Structures are given as structure tokens and as C-alpha cells.
Amino acid sequence: MMKQMFILAMMLLATSGTATAQDVALKTNLLGWATTSLNAGVEIGIAEKQTAQLFATINPWEFSGGKKVRFWNVEPEYRWWTCQRFGGSFFGVHALAGEYNIKNVDLPFGTLPKTKRGRHYEGWYIGAGVTYGYQWLLSRHWNMEASIGVGYAYSPYKLYGRCAKCLDDTHRNYVGPTKAALSMIYIF
């Protein structure tokens, strides 16, 4: 699935026309790196005050103490800027989709119910939300961005016990924060 999303993103970029100054930005979320999550995104100017972004995150690691927060996430977003694109305030609409495998970690905001040690969740999710953010111009090519998003996600999952025995097969309707970013951006 991740391979197909990457190919689709590259096809969209290839057919988006000729890129000129202030039309394309590469970015990474520093908050994601703080949680050991590999992440990168591309944002393209589509009109005077509009951009489209595609962001991807993956965390393939296992941690000491039997802790695991393995996941991948893709997040396309449309943004409308109040003054000019790639500078100042913006409002956005985003979608999100991904898969997860979480063990011995309690997630914030009631994302998944708390569980006993040794049990783990496996599932996927799809959702959408709204975003507000601000970009600061640091230099000709570098910007810093802060953004926050809230929304809804639907997530079917299975709860496994010891010996990989499935204890529960249900779903979760989540409403709350769907993104938080403090990003470094390079603008071409």
C-alpha cells in the first residue's frame, strides 16, 4: 500500500506542470523525529494563495521493555493562505490513513483503550480533519512551520494477548487531535 501511495504522489508531482520559485517545498516534522519517526513531505503551490501537501511518516522500531509503536501514515492536505503561500497563516483540510502495531504503550487522548502488559493492538485507520498553521520565513530558502489539526478517524483493530491469541476484534471512532507539526522547510 505504501508503495502505491508513493507512486501516486510521484505521478501527481510529475504532472503538476513546471515548477518555478516558491512553488515547491520539501519538509520534515521535527516533532516526528523526536519520537524516532522517519518523515518527509512535499508541498506544491497550486494557485496564488493555495498549496497542496503530501506527507508520509513511518516508525519501524521496537524499543526496550517490549514496547512497540510501529506504524505508517500518509496525509494529503489542501491549504489556503491568508496572505501569500509559504508565509504567514494558513487553514487546511487534511485526510489521513495508515496502519499500526502498538504494544506496551498507552497512547494520549484516548486514541486506543489502555491494555495490560503483554497485549498489543494491530489495526488501520482512515480519517479527515481541519488544520491551522503558521510559517515563518527564516531566509530565502528556509522556513519554519507550526501547525495543529483536529478531526475524526475510523479505526478497526484487533487486540492480541499472549501467544498471539485474538482477544477482541472491534473498532474505534476517534475525535481529537489528528496532527501536530513543527517543521523545517526548504523552498525551491
Protein backbone atom coordinates (compact mmCIF):
# COMPACT_ATOMS: atom_id res chain seq x y z
CA MET A 1 0.00 0.00 0.00
CA MET A 2 2.82 2.42 0.89
CA LYS A 3 4.49 1.73 -2.47
CA GLN A 4 1.27 2.54 -4.35
CA MET A 5 0.82 5.81 -2.39
CA PHE A 6 4.42 6.81 -3.19
CA ILE A 7 3.94 6.07 -6.91
CA LEU A 8 0.69 8.06 -6.92
CA ALA A 9 2.41 11.01 -5.24
CA MET A 10 5.25 10.95 -7.76
CA MET A 11 2.78 10.82 -10.65
CA LEU A 12 0.93 13.84 -9.24
CA LEU A 13 4.19 15.73 -8.90
CA ALA A 14 5.29 14.82 -12.43
CA THR A 15 2.02 16.04 -13.94
CA SER A 16 1.73 19.23 -11.90
CA GLY A 17 3.41 21.37 -14.56
CA THR A 18 6.60 23.39 -14.49
CA ALA A 19 7.88 24.36 -11.09
CA THR A 20 9.14 27.90 -10.54
CA ALA A 21 10.45 29.73 -7.49
CA GLN A 22 8.20 29.46 -4.43
CA ASP A 23 6.22 26.60 -5.99
CA VAL A 24 7.78 23.54 -4.33
CA ALA A 25 8.87 22.89 -0.75
CA LEU A 26 10.41 19.85 0.96
CA LYS A 27 9.77 19.49 4.68
CA THR A 28 10.25 17.33 7.74
CA ASN A 29 8.42 17.37 11.09
CA LEU A 30 10.85 17.80 14.00
CA LEU A 31 8.22 16.52 16.47
CA GLY A 32 8.13 13.28 14.48
CA TRP A 33 11.91 12.91 14.69
CA ALA A 34 11.65 13.43 18.47
CA THR A 35 9.54 10.23 18.57
CA THR A 36 12.00 8.39 16.27
CA SER A 37 9.53 8.54 13.38
CA LEU A 38 11.06 8.95 9.93
CA ASN A 39 9.07 11.55 7.98
CA ALA A 40 9.12 13.78 4.92
CA GLY A 41 6.70 15.80 2.87
CA VAL A 42 6.39 17.83 -0.29
CA GLU A 43 4.21 20.90 -0.73
CA ILE A 44 3.35 22.39 -4.13
CA GLY A 45 1.90 25.79 -4.96
CA ILE A 46 -1.31 25.35 -6.98
CA ALA A 47 -2.61 28.95 -7.02
CA GLU A 48 -1.64 32.36 -5.63
CA LYS A 49 -2.88 31.56 -2.10
CA GLN A 50 -3.22 27.76 -2.30
CA THR A 51 -0.92 24.78 -1.84
CA ALA A 52 -1.26 21.01 -1.74
CA GLN A 53 0.88 18.87 0.55
CA LEU A 54 1.61 15.15 0.79
CA PHE A 55 3.30 13.98 3.99
CA ALA A 56 4.42 10.46 4.93
CA THR A 57 5.64 9.05 8.26
CA ILE A 58 6.93 5.62 9.25
CA ASN A 59 8.13 4.20 12.55
CA PRO A 60 9.52 0.65 12.14
CA TRP A 61 11.25 0.31 15.52
CA GLU A 62 10.82 -1.81 18.62
CA PHE A 63 12.01 -0.36 21.93
CA SER A 64 13.38 -1.79 25.15
CA GLY A 65 10.98 -3.23 27.69
CA GLY A 66 8.87 -4.88 25.00
CA LYS A 67 7.49 -1.52 23.82
CA LYS A 68 6.47 -1.13 20.22
CA VAL A 69 4.86 1.73 18.27
CA ARG A 70 5.19 0.57 14.69
CA PHE A 71 3.12 2.49 12.17
CA TRP A 72 2.99 4.18 8.80
CA ASN A 73 0.87 7.20 7.92
CA VAL A 74 0.13 9.25 4.79
CA GLU A 75 -1.53 12.62 4.97
CA PRO A 76 -2.55 14.70 1.94
CA GLU A 77 -3.64 18.27 2.68
CA TYR A 78 -5.08 21.28 0.85
CA ARG A 79 -4.07 24.68 2.26
CA TRP A 80 -5.41 28.19 1.81
CA TRP A 81 -3.05 31.00 2.84
CA THR A 82 -4.36 34.31 4.24
CA CYS A 83 -1.67 36.45 2.56
CA GLN A 84 0.81 34.58 0.38
CA ARG A 85 1.67 30.93 0.09
CA PHE A 86 4.66 29.69 2.13
CA GLY A 87 4.44 32.60 4.56
CA GLY A 88 2.14 33.58 7.43
CA SER A 89 -1.15 31.95 8.43
CA PHE A 90 -2.95 29.15 6.62
CA PHE A 91 -6.04 27.00 7.03
CA GLY A 92 -6.21 23.48 5.68
CA VAL A 93 -8.24 20.34 5.17
CA HIS A 94 -6.39 17.04 5.52
CA ALA A 95 -7.03 13.33 5.16
CA LEU A 96 -5.07 10.60 6.93
CA ALA A 97 -4.62 6.87 6.54
CA GLY A 98 -2.26 4.26 7.93
CA GLU A 99 -1.64 1.03 9.83
CA TYR A 100 -0.28 0.36 13.33
CA ASN A 101 1.05 -2.31 15.68
CA ILE A 102 1.29 -1.00 19.26
CA LYS A 103 2.46 -2.94 22.33
CA ASN A 104 3.00 -1.88 25.98
CA VAL A 105 2.46 1.82 25.22
CA ASP A 106 -0.56 3.89 26.28
CA LEU A 107 -1.33 6.49 23.61
CA PRO A 108 -2.52 10.01 24.54
CA PHE A 109 -6.03 11.44 24.00
CA GLY A 110 -7.73 8.05 24.43
CA THR A 111 -6.62 7.04 20.96
CA LEU A 112 -6.87 3.35 21.95
CA PRO A 113 -8.10 1.83 25.22
CA LYS A 114 -5.42 1.12 27.81
CA THR A 115 -4.38 -2.51 27.99
CA LYS A 116 -2.47 -4.91 30.20
CA ARG A 117 1.23 -5.54 29.73
CA GLY A 118 2.00 -8.09 27.02
CA ARG A 119 -1.07 -7.33 24.91
CA HIS A 120 -0.94 -5.40 21.66
CA TYR A 121 -3.14 -3.69 19.07
CA GLU A 122 -2.99 -4.19 15.33
CA GLY A 123 -5.20 -2.15 13.02
CA TRP A 124 -5.59 0.51 10.40
CA TYR A 125 -7.29 3.91 10.24
CA ILE A 126 -8.71 6.47 7.86
CA GLY A 127 -9.92 9.95 8.68
CA ALA A 128 -10.03 13.66 7.94
CA GLY A 129 -9.68 16.94 9.75
CA VAL A 130 -9.02 20.67 9.63
CA THR A 131 -5.70 22.41 10.19
CA TYR A 132 -4.41 25.80 11.27
CA GLY A 133 -0.76 26.73 10.92
CA TYR A 134 1.79 29.48 10.52
CA GLN A 135 5.06 29.65 8.58
CA TRP A 136 7.95 31.93 9.47
CA LEU A 137 10.36 32.98 6.73
CA LEU A 138 13.88 32.38 8.02
CA SER A 139 15.82 33.06 4.82
CA ARG A 140 15.37 32.94 1.06
CA HIS A 141 15.02 29.14 1.04
CA TRP A 142 14.34 28.14 4.67
CA ASN A 143 11.07 28.37 6.62
CA MET A 144 9.82 27.06 9.96
CA GLU A 145 6.21 25.94 10.36
CA ALA A 146 3.94 25.17 13.29
CA SER A 147 0.58 23.51 12.65
CA ILE A 148 -2.15 21.68 14.54
CA GLY A 149 -5.07 19.67 13.25
CA VAL A 150 -8.22 18.18 14.73
CA GLY A 151 -10.60 15.73 13.16
CA TYR A 152 -12.12 12.26 13.04
CA ALA A 153 -10.63 8.82 12.37
CA TYR A 154 -12.28 5.41 11.99
CA SER A 155 -10.07 2.51 13.10
CA PRO A 156 -10.90 -1.20 13.07
CA TYR A 157 -8.40 -3.15 15.19
CA LYS A 158 -7.66 -6.42 16.90
CA LEU A 159 -6.39 -6.74 20.46
CA TYR A 160 -3.99 -9.66 20.91
CA GLY A 161 -2.95 -11.33 24.14
CA ARG A 162 -0.01 -13.56 24.88
CA CYS A 163 0.68 -16.34 22.34
CA ALA A 164 -0.91 -14.18 19.60
CA LYS A 165 -4.44 -15.09 20.73
CA CYS A 166 -7.02 -12.57 19.44
CA LEU A 167 -8.95 -11.22 22.45
CA ASP A 168 -11.06 -8.57 20.74
CA ASP A 169 -11.96 -7.60 17.17
CA THR A 170 -13.69 -4.21 17.17
CA HIS A 171 -13.28 -0.60 16.03
CA ARG A 172 -12.75 2.87 17.43
CA ASN A 173 -14.30 6.20 16.40
CA TYR A 174 -11.73 8.80 17.40
CA VAL A 175 -12.34 12.56 17.58
CA GLY A 176 -9.46 14.80 18.65
CA PRO A 177 -6.01 15.95 17.54
CA THR A 178 -5.04 14.37 14.20
CA LYS A 179 -1.78 16.20 13.57
CA ALA A 180 0.84 18.34 15.27
CA ALA A 181 3.90 19.63 13.46
CA LEU A 182 6.92 21.82 13.99
CA SER A 183 8.56 21.54 10.59
CA MET A 184 11.73 22.69 8.89
CA ILE A 185 11.10 23.55 5.25
CA TYR A 186 13.35 24.04 2.23
CA ILE A 187 11.66 26.05 -0.55
CA PHE A 188 12.96 25.84 -4.12
